[in-house]
Amino acid sequence: MRIISWNVNGIRAVYKRGFLKWLRESKADIVCLQETKAWPEQLEPELVNPKGYFSYFNSAQKKGYAGLAVYTKEKPIKIETKTGLKRFDEEGRILKLEYSNFILINLYLPHGGRQKENMVYKLKSYDELLKYFKKINKKKVILVGDFNVAHQEIDLARPKDNKNNTMFTSEERKRIDKIIEIDFIDTFRKFHKEPGNYTWWPYYRNARQRNLGWRIDYIFTNKALTLELKKAFILKDIKSSDHCPIGVEISKGKH
């Protein structure tokens, strides 16, 4: 089973850059998108119902903001789009798909704000989600998405310059620690220990060409799935967004 996650920074924008061709060629069983910035009724019919996939959306109440989508070859048993956290839910930041043998949760965590004006909201969102992750941890669980935090110094090009900046404060990094403490693993780091692997690059100063990036997109699996992980990867050459896709492959036949 091949799962890919991608913050597209506008699904209509990547559609114009060949998203459906990429989707066909990705050979993914499930594709999770973040920051879709659109309601389904604003999309081309072939984006809402691409050949070979069931599609599910959770859009923000505010047009052109946040939002999630999932394309899946296998139809899930149940879909959920609420956490009980009012602002988080209104912004379309969670899309949970329950299958017969595992749960997939697509997430788009708040940024926190350049001046940290939304940091309290961001940290509260993490804390509420952590309670929920603990409850479902007995099942096989996959968490995917844009977590808007670089976990360790290895996860960004300039850690010393950013140690007090949003996405790399100690408070934010501790939230990723807590996900790992409740028996989830960072799938990419299970297979790749080397630096220089990033998933997001600022648009300014040729940051992408210079690889001055951050790894803020993750796929976490809990211990019930760890032995079934085959590989994890970053598709850094896909450049339709300021983020690139990431993915995992999980053994078939066990789901």
Protein backbone atom coordinates (compact mmCIF):
# COMPACT_ATOMS: atom_id res chain seq x y z
CA MET A 1 0.00 0.00 0.00
CA ARG A 2 1.44 3.33 -1.12
CA ILE A 3 0.34 6.47 0.72
CA ILE A 4 1.35 9.99 -0.32
CA SER A 5 0.80 13.27 1.53
CA TRP A 6 1.20 16.73 -0.02
CA ASN A 7 0.50 20.30 0.99
CA VAL A 8 -0.50 21.61 -2.43
CA ASN A 9 -0.90 25.28 -1.42
CA GLY A 10 -4.07 25.48 -3.53
CA ILE A 11 -5.58 22.48 -5.32
CA ARG A 12 -6.76 24.63 -8.22
CA ALA A 13 -3.22 25.91 -8.71
CA VAL A 14 -1.66 22.43 -8.87
CA TYR A 15 -4.50 21.25 -11.12
CA LYS A 16 -3.33 23.79 -13.69
CA ARG A 17 0.20 22.41 -13.32
CA GLY A 18 -0.75 18.84 -14.17
CA PHE A 19 -1.90 17.41 -10.84
CA LEU A 20 -4.15 14.73 -12.37
CA LYS A 21 -1.33 13.42 -14.55
CA TRP A 22 0.88 13.29 -11.46
CA LEU A 23 -1.90 11.49 -9.53
CA ARG A 24 -2.20 8.83 -12.22
CA GLU A 25 1.55 8.33 -12.36
CA SER A 26 2.02 8.32 -8.57
CA LYS A 27 0.68 4.75 -8.27
CA ALA A 28 -0.61 5.75 -4.85
CA ASP A 29 -3.41 3.87 -3.14
CA ILE A 30 -4.17 6.92 -1.02
CA VAL A 31 -3.23 10.57 -1.61
CA CYS A 32 -3.81 13.08 1.18
CA LEU A 33 -3.74 16.79 0.36
CA GLN A 34 -3.49 19.77 2.69
CA GLU A 35 -4.17 23.47 2.14
CA THR A 36 -6.54 22.81 -0.76
CA LYS A 37 -8.03 26.33 -0.43
CA ALA A 38 -11.26 25.42 -2.21
CA TRP A 39 -14.74 24.01 -1.78
CA PRO A 40 -15.59 20.94 -3.93
CA GLU A 41 -18.18 22.94 -5.88
CA GLN A 42 -15.39 25.28 -7.01
CA LEU A 43 -13.42 22.43 -8.60
CA GLU A 44 -13.42 20.87 -12.04
CA PRO A 45 -15.50 17.63 -12.09
CA GLU A 46 -12.41 15.53 -12.86
CA LEU A 47 -10.77 16.86 -9.68
CA VAL A 48 -13.78 15.92 -7.57
CA ASN A 49 -14.10 12.46 -9.13
CA PRO A 50 -10.78 11.41 -10.66
CA LYS A 51 -10.79 8.07 -12.42
CA GLY A 52 -9.92 5.19 -10.12
CA TYR A 53 -10.34 7.07 -6.83
CA PHE A 54 -13.01 7.87 -4.29
CA SER A 55 -12.61 11.46 -3.07
CA TYR A 56 -13.36 13.14 0.25
CA PHE A 57 -13.04 16.80 1.21
CA ASN A 58 -13.08 18.89 4.36
CA SER A 59 -13.07 22.56 3.43
CA ALA A 60 -12.74 25.61 5.66
CA GLN A 61 -15.83 27.74 6.15
CA LYS A 62 -13.73 30.64 4.87
CA LYS A 63 -13.23 30.51 1.11
CA GLY A 64 -9.69 30.16 -0.21
CA TYR A 65 -8.27 29.00 3.12
CA ALA A 66 -6.84 25.76 4.60
CA GLY A 67 -8.85 22.62 3.77
CA LEU A 68 -8.08 18.96 3.06
CA ALA A 69 -8.76 16.28 0.47
CA VAL A 70 -8.16 12.54 0.26
CA TYR A 71 -8.17 10.40 -2.87
CA THR A 72 -8.40 6.69 -2.10
CA LYS A 73 -8.72 3.58 -4.25
CA GLU A 74 -10.46 1.69 -1.44
CA LYS A 75 -13.67 3.10 -0.07
CA PRO A 76 -13.43 3.73 3.70
CA ILE A 77 -16.02 2.45 6.14
CA LYS A 78 -16.40 5.78 7.92
CA ILE A 79 -15.43 9.45 7.45
CA GLU A 80 -15.06 12.07 10.19
CA THR A 81 -14.25 15.79 9.89
CA LYS A 82 -14.62 17.06 13.48
CA THR A 83 -12.50 17.13 16.63
CA GLY A 84 -14.75 19.21 18.87
CA LEU A 85 -12.28 22.11 18.78
CA LYS A 86 -14.45 24.84 17.24
CA ARG A 87 -11.93 26.96 15.36
CA PHE A 88 -9.91 23.93 14.21
CA ASP A 89 -13.06 22.29 12.83
CA GLU A 90 -14.28 25.47 11.13
CA GLU A 91 -10.94 25.71 9.33
CA GLY A 92 -11.17 22.21 7.84
CA ARG A 93 -8.03 20.79 9.43
CA ILE A 94 -8.82 17.09 9.96
CA LEU A 95 -10.10 14.33 7.71
CA LYS A 96 -10.29 10.89 9.30
CA LEU A 97 -10.87 7.79 7.18
CA GLU A 98 -11.57 4.50 8.91
CA TYR A 99 -10.90 1.29 7.04
CA SER A 100 -11.47 -2.30 8.15
CA ASN A 101 -7.94 -2.71 9.53
CA PHE A 102 -6.51 0.77 10.02
CA ILE A 103 -7.33 4.43 10.57
CA LEU A 104 -5.86 7.20 8.43
CA ILE A 105 -5.92 10.79 9.69
CA ASN A 106 -5.07 13.64 7.32
CA LEU A 107 -4.07 16.80 9.21
CA TYR A 108 -3.21 20.41 8.56
CA LEU A 109 -1.96 21.95 11.81
CA PRO A 110 -2.06 25.73 12.27
CA HIS A 111 1.11 27.66 11.49
CA GLY A 112 1.23 29.73 14.68
CA GLY A 113 1.79 33.09 12.98
CA ARG A 114 4.99 34.95 12.13
CA GLN A 115 4.58 37.04 15.28
CA LYS A 116 3.31 33.96 17.19
CA GLU A 117 -0.16 35.52 17.28
CA ASN A 118 -1.77 32.08 16.80
CA MET A 119 0.68 30.08 18.90
CA VAL A 120 -1.75 29.47 21.79
CA TYR A 121 -4.29 28.14 19.29
CA LYS A 122 -1.67 25.95 17.63
CA LEU A 123 -0.45 24.40 20.88
CA LYS A 124 -4.01 23.84 22.12
CA SER A 125 -4.82 22.09 18.84
CA TYR A 126 -1.87 19.76 19.36
CA ASP A 127 -2.87 19.04 22.95
CA GLU A 128 -6.46 18.17 22.00
CA LEU A 129 -5.29 15.95 19.15
CA LEU A 130 -2.83 14.15 21.42
CA LYS A 131 -5.70 13.15 23.73
CA TYR A 132 -7.52 11.74 20.72
CA PHE A 133 -4.48 9.88 19.37
CA LYS A 134 -4.08 8.16 22.75
CA LYS A 135 -7.66 6.91 22.62
CA ILE A 136 -7.34 5.24 19.22
CA ASN A 137 -3.78 4.01 19.62
CA LYS A 138 -4.81 0.37 20.10
CA LYS A 139 -5.75 0.19 16.42
CA LYS A 140 -3.40 0.57 13.47
CA VAL A 141 -3.14 4.32 12.93
CA ILE A 142 -1.47 6.47 10.27
CA LEU A 143 -1.14 10.24 10.82
CA VAL A 144 -0.23 12.25 7.74
CA GLY A 145 0.01 15.91 6.86
CA ASP A 146 1.56 19.30 7.38
CA PHE A 147 2.43 19.58 11.08
CA ASN A 148 4.08 23.01 10.70
CA VAL A 149 6.95 22.06 13.03
CA ALA A 150 10.53 21.06 12.32
CA HIS A 151 11.17 18.48 15.02
CA GLN A 152 14.97 18.38 15.35
CA GLU A 153 17.92 20.49 14.21
CA ILE A 154 18.47 18.01 11.39
CA ASP A 155 15.01 18.94 10.04
CA LEU A 156 15.86 22.45 8.88
CA ALA A 157 18.76 24.06 7.08
CA ARG A 158 19.42 26.83 9.60
CA PRO A 159 18.44 25.70 13.10
CA LYS A 160 20.54 28.26 15.00
CA ASP A 161 18.98 31.17 13.09
CA ASN A 162 15.47 29.88 13.77
CA LYS A 163 15.60 28.58 17.34
CA ASN A 164 13.10 31.18 18.58
CA ASN A 165 11.02 31.36 15.41
CA THR A 166 7.59 29.89 14.72
CA MET A 167 7.78 26.25 13.59
CA PHE A 168 10.95 25.65 15.63
CA THR A 169 10.22 26.87 19.16
CA SER A 170 10.83 24.42 21.99
CA GLU A 171 7.09 24.38 22.81
CA GLU A 172 6.18 23.30 19.28
CA ARG A 173 8.96 20.72 19.06
CA LYS A 174 7.81 19.20 22.36
CA ARG A 175 4.42 18.47 20.75
CA ILE A 176 6.17 16.25 18.20
CA ASP A 177 8.06 14.62 21.09
CA LYS A 178 4.70 13.84 22.69
CA ILE A 179 3.39 12.17 19.53
CA ILE A 180 6.46 9.92 19.59
CA GLU A 181 6.08 9.32 23.34
CA ILE A 182 2.65 7.75 22.77
CA ASP A 183 4.28 5.16 20.48
CA PHE A 184 4.13 6.78 17.07
CA ILE A 185 7.20 6.80 14.86
CA ASP A 186 8.43 9.34 12.35
CA THR A 187 8.45 7.03 9.33
CA PHE A 188 10.98 9.03 7.32
CA ARG A 189 13.54 8.98 10.12
CA LYS A 190 13.13 5.22 10.51
CA PHE A 191 14.81 4.86 7.11
CA HIS A 192 16.78 8.09 6.63
CA LYS A 193 19.13 9.54 9.25
CA GLU A 194 20.97 11.99 7.01
CA PRO A 195 20.50 15.80 6.97
CA GLY A 196 19.40 17.90 4.01
CA ASN A 197 15.97 16.28 3.55
CA TYR A 198 13.25 18.91 3.55
CA THR A 199 9.60 19.16 2.49
CA TRP A 200 9.01 22.94 2.42
CA TRP A 201 11.07 25.88 1.16
CA PRO A 202 10.30 29.61 1.46
CA TYR A 203 9.63 31.33 -1.85
CA TYR A 204 12.26 34.02 -1.29
CA ARG A 205 16.02 34.15 -1.95
CA ASN A 206 16.07 31.05 -4.17
CA ALA A 207 15.65 28.95 -1.04
CA ARG A 208 14.60 25.83 -2.91
CA GLN A 209 17.49 25.95 -5.35
CA ARG A 210 19.84 26.40 -2.40
CA ASN A 211 17.98 23.73 -0.37
CA LEU A 212 17.36 26.12 2.53
CA GLY A 213 14.33 24.16 3.62
CA TRP A 214 12.38 22.71 6.51
CA ARG A 215 10.95 19.24 7.06
CA ILE A 216 7.51 20.05 8.46
CA ASP A 217 5.41 17.41 6.67
CA TYR A 218 5.27 13.97 8.27
CA ILE A 219 3.77 10.52 8.17
CA PHE A 220 3.60 8.91 11.60
CA THR A 221 2.54 5.32 12.22
CA ASN A 222 1.96 3.71 15.58
CA LYS A 223 3.76 0.59 16.77
CA ALA A 224 0.97 -1.66 15.53
CA LEU A 225 2.10 -0.76 12.00
CA THR A 226 5.86 -0.39 12.42
CA LEU A 227 6.80 -3.87 11.26
CA GLU A 228 4.74 -3.44 8.10
CA LEU A 229 6.62 -0.33 6.92
CA LYS A 230 8.67 -1.03 3.79
CA LYS A 231 9.98 2.44 2.90
CA ALA A 232 9.49 6.17 3.38
CA PHE A 233 10.37 8.87 0.88
CA ILE A 234 10.34 12.55 -0.02
CA LEU A 235 9.56 13.50 -3.63
CA LYS A 236 11.65 16.66 -3.67
CA ASP A 237 11.61 17.03 -7.46
CA ILE A 238 7.84 17.67 -7.57
CA LYS A 239 7.77 21.47 -7.61
CA SER A 240 4.13 22.50 -8.19
CA SER A 241 3.89 23.83 -4.59
CA ASP A 242 6.22 25.31 -1.98
CA HIS A 243 5.92 21.89 -0.32
CA CYS A 244 6.80 18.61 -1.99
CA PRO A 245 4.99 15.27 -1.58
CA ILE A 246 6.10 12.68 0.96
CA GLY A 247 5.11 9.04 1.24
CA VAL A 248 5.36 5.57 2.68
CA GLU A 249 4.91 2.05 1.46
CA ILE A 250 3.31 -0.47 3.80
CA SER A 251 3.23 -4.22 3.25
CA LYS A 252 0.23 -5.43 1.29
CA GLY A 253 -1.90 -8.30 2.42
CA LYS A 254 -1.98 -7.21 6.07
CA HIS A 255 -4.81 -4.75 5.71
